C-alpha atoms as a PDB file:
ATOM      1  CA  MET A   1      74.130 114.881 105.883  1.00  0.00           C
ATOM      2  CA  ASP A   2      75.689 113.019 103.064  1.00  0.00           C
ATOM      3  CA  GLN A   3      77.031 114.671  99.898  1.00  0.00           C
ATOM      4  CA  GLN A   4      73.849 114.347  97.931  1.00  0.00           C
ATOM      5  CA  THR A   5      71.579 116.387 100.550  1.00  0.00           C
ATOM      6  CA  ARG A   6      74.194 119.244 100.879  1.00  0.00           C
ATOM      7  CA  ALA A   7      73.480 122.496  99.347  1.00  0.00           C
ATOM      8  CA  PRO A   8      76.219 123.055  96.805  1.00  0.00           C
ATOM      9  CA  GLU A   9      79.185 125.164  98.069  1.00  0.00           C
ATOM     10  CA  LYS A  10      79.360 128.775  96.619  1.00  0.00           C
ATOM     11  CA  PRO A  11      82.544 129.427  94.612  1.00  0.00           C
ATOM     12  CA  ARG A  12      83.680 131.907  97.209  1.00  0.00           C
ATOM     13  CA  GLU A  13      83.253 129.511 100.125  1.00  0.00           C
ATOM     14  CA  ARG A  14      85.249 126.838  98.202  1.00  0.00           C
ATOM     15  CA  VAL A  15      87.915 129.038  97.337  1.00  0.00           C
ATOM     16  CA  GLU A  16      88.081 130.389 101.267  1.00  0.00           C
ATOM     17  CA  LYS A  17      88.367 126.709 102.331  1.00  0.00           C
ATOM     18  CA  GLU A  18      91.177 125.861  99.722  1.00  0.00           C
ATOM     19  CA  ARG A  19      93.011 129.146 100.949  1.00  0.00           C
ATOM     20  CA  HIS A  20      92.934 127.821 104.537  1.00  0.00           C
ATOM     21  CA  ARG A  21      94.045 124.435 103.701  1.00  0.00           C
ATOM     22  CA  ILE A  22      97.052 125.791 101.700  1.00  0.00           C
ATOM     23  CA  LYS A  23      98.190 128.279 104.367  1.00  0.00           C
ATOM     24  CA  LYS A  24      97.636 125.076 107.015  1.00  0.00           C
ATOM     25  CA  GLN A  25      99.854 123.203 104.794  1.00  0.00           C
ATOM     26  CA  GLU A  26     102.368 125.877 104.240  1.00  0.00           C
ATOM     27  CA  ASP A  27     102.531 126.439 108.027  1.00  0.00           C
ATOM     28  CA  GLU A  28     103.402 122.783 108.423  1.00  0.00           C
ATOM     29  CA  VAL A  29     106.129 122.883 106.002  1.00  0.00           C
ATOM     30  CA  THR A  30     107.649 125.916 107.681  1.00  0.00           C
ATOM     31  CA  GLN A  31     107.383 124.543 111.252  1.00  0.00           C
ATOM     32  CA  GLN A  32     109.086 121.080 110.054  1.00  0.00           C
ATOM     33  CA  SER A  33     111.591 123.146 108.191  1.00  0.00           C
ATOM     34  CA  ASP A  34     112.393 125.385 111.498  1.00  0.00           C
ATOM     35  CA  ASP A  35     112.656 122.072 113.567  1.00  0.00           C
ATOM     36  CA  SER A  36     115.048 120.524 111.180  1.00  0.00           C
ATOM     37  CA  PHE A  37     117.595 123.395 111.467  1.00  0.00           C
ATOM     38  CA  PRO A  38     120.820 123.163 111.155  1.00  0.00           C
ATOM     39  CA  ALA A  39     120.271 119.755 109.668  1.00  0.00           C
ATOM     40  CA  SER A  40     118.993 121.560 106.840  1.00  0.00           C
ATOM     41  CA  ASP A  41     121.843 123.818 105.973  1.00  0.00           C
ATOM     42  CA  PRO A  42     123.615 123.249 102.765  1.00  0.00           C
ATOM     43  CA  PRO A  43     127.208 121.833 102.987  1.00  0.00           C
ATOM     44  CA  SER A  44     129.835 124.351 103.023  1.00  0.00           C
ATOM     45  CA  PHE A  45     131.619 125.072  99.826  1.00  0.00           C
ATOM     46  CA  THR A  46     134.743 126.434 101.504  1.00  0.00           C
ATOM     47  CA  PRO A  47     137.677 124.355  99.892  1.00  0.00           C
ATOM     48  CA  VAL A  48     139.499 122.210 102.454  1.00  0.00           C
ATOM     49  CA  LYS A  49     143.095 122.954 103.146  1.00  0.00           C
ATOM     50  CA  GLY A  50     145.581 120.476 104.670  1.00  0.00           C
ATOM     51  CA  PRO A  51     146.515 116.747 104.122  1.00  0.00           C
ATOM     52  CA  THR A  52     144.456 115.022 101.403  1.00  0.00           C
ATOM     53  CA  GLY A  53     145.760 111.632 102.133  1.00  0.00           C
ATOM     54  CA  GLU A  54     147.883 111.430  98.848  1.00  0.00           C
ATOM     55  CA  PRO A  55     151.562 111.148  99.283  1.00  0.00           C
ATOM     56  CA  ASP A  56     153.570 114.438  98.804  1.00  0.00           C
ATOM     57  CA  THR A  57     155.540 114.180  95.444  1.00  0.00           C
ATOM     58  CA  LYS A  58     157.108 117.655  95.430  1.00  0.00           C
ATOM     59  CA  LYS A  59     160.200 118.087  97.592  1.00  0.00           C
END
């Protein structure tokens, strides 16, 4: 059946299809995000203490 001979979709059917498509897309994003853990963690903001590679001028 091609698109011209099909009965037009009812608004509720169209909305339900779109809702299902969005839910599926969100599930895929969530799964990919979970699979990338811990690489997706933001870097730590803890300041580094210790040698910086610069010569110590205070003595």
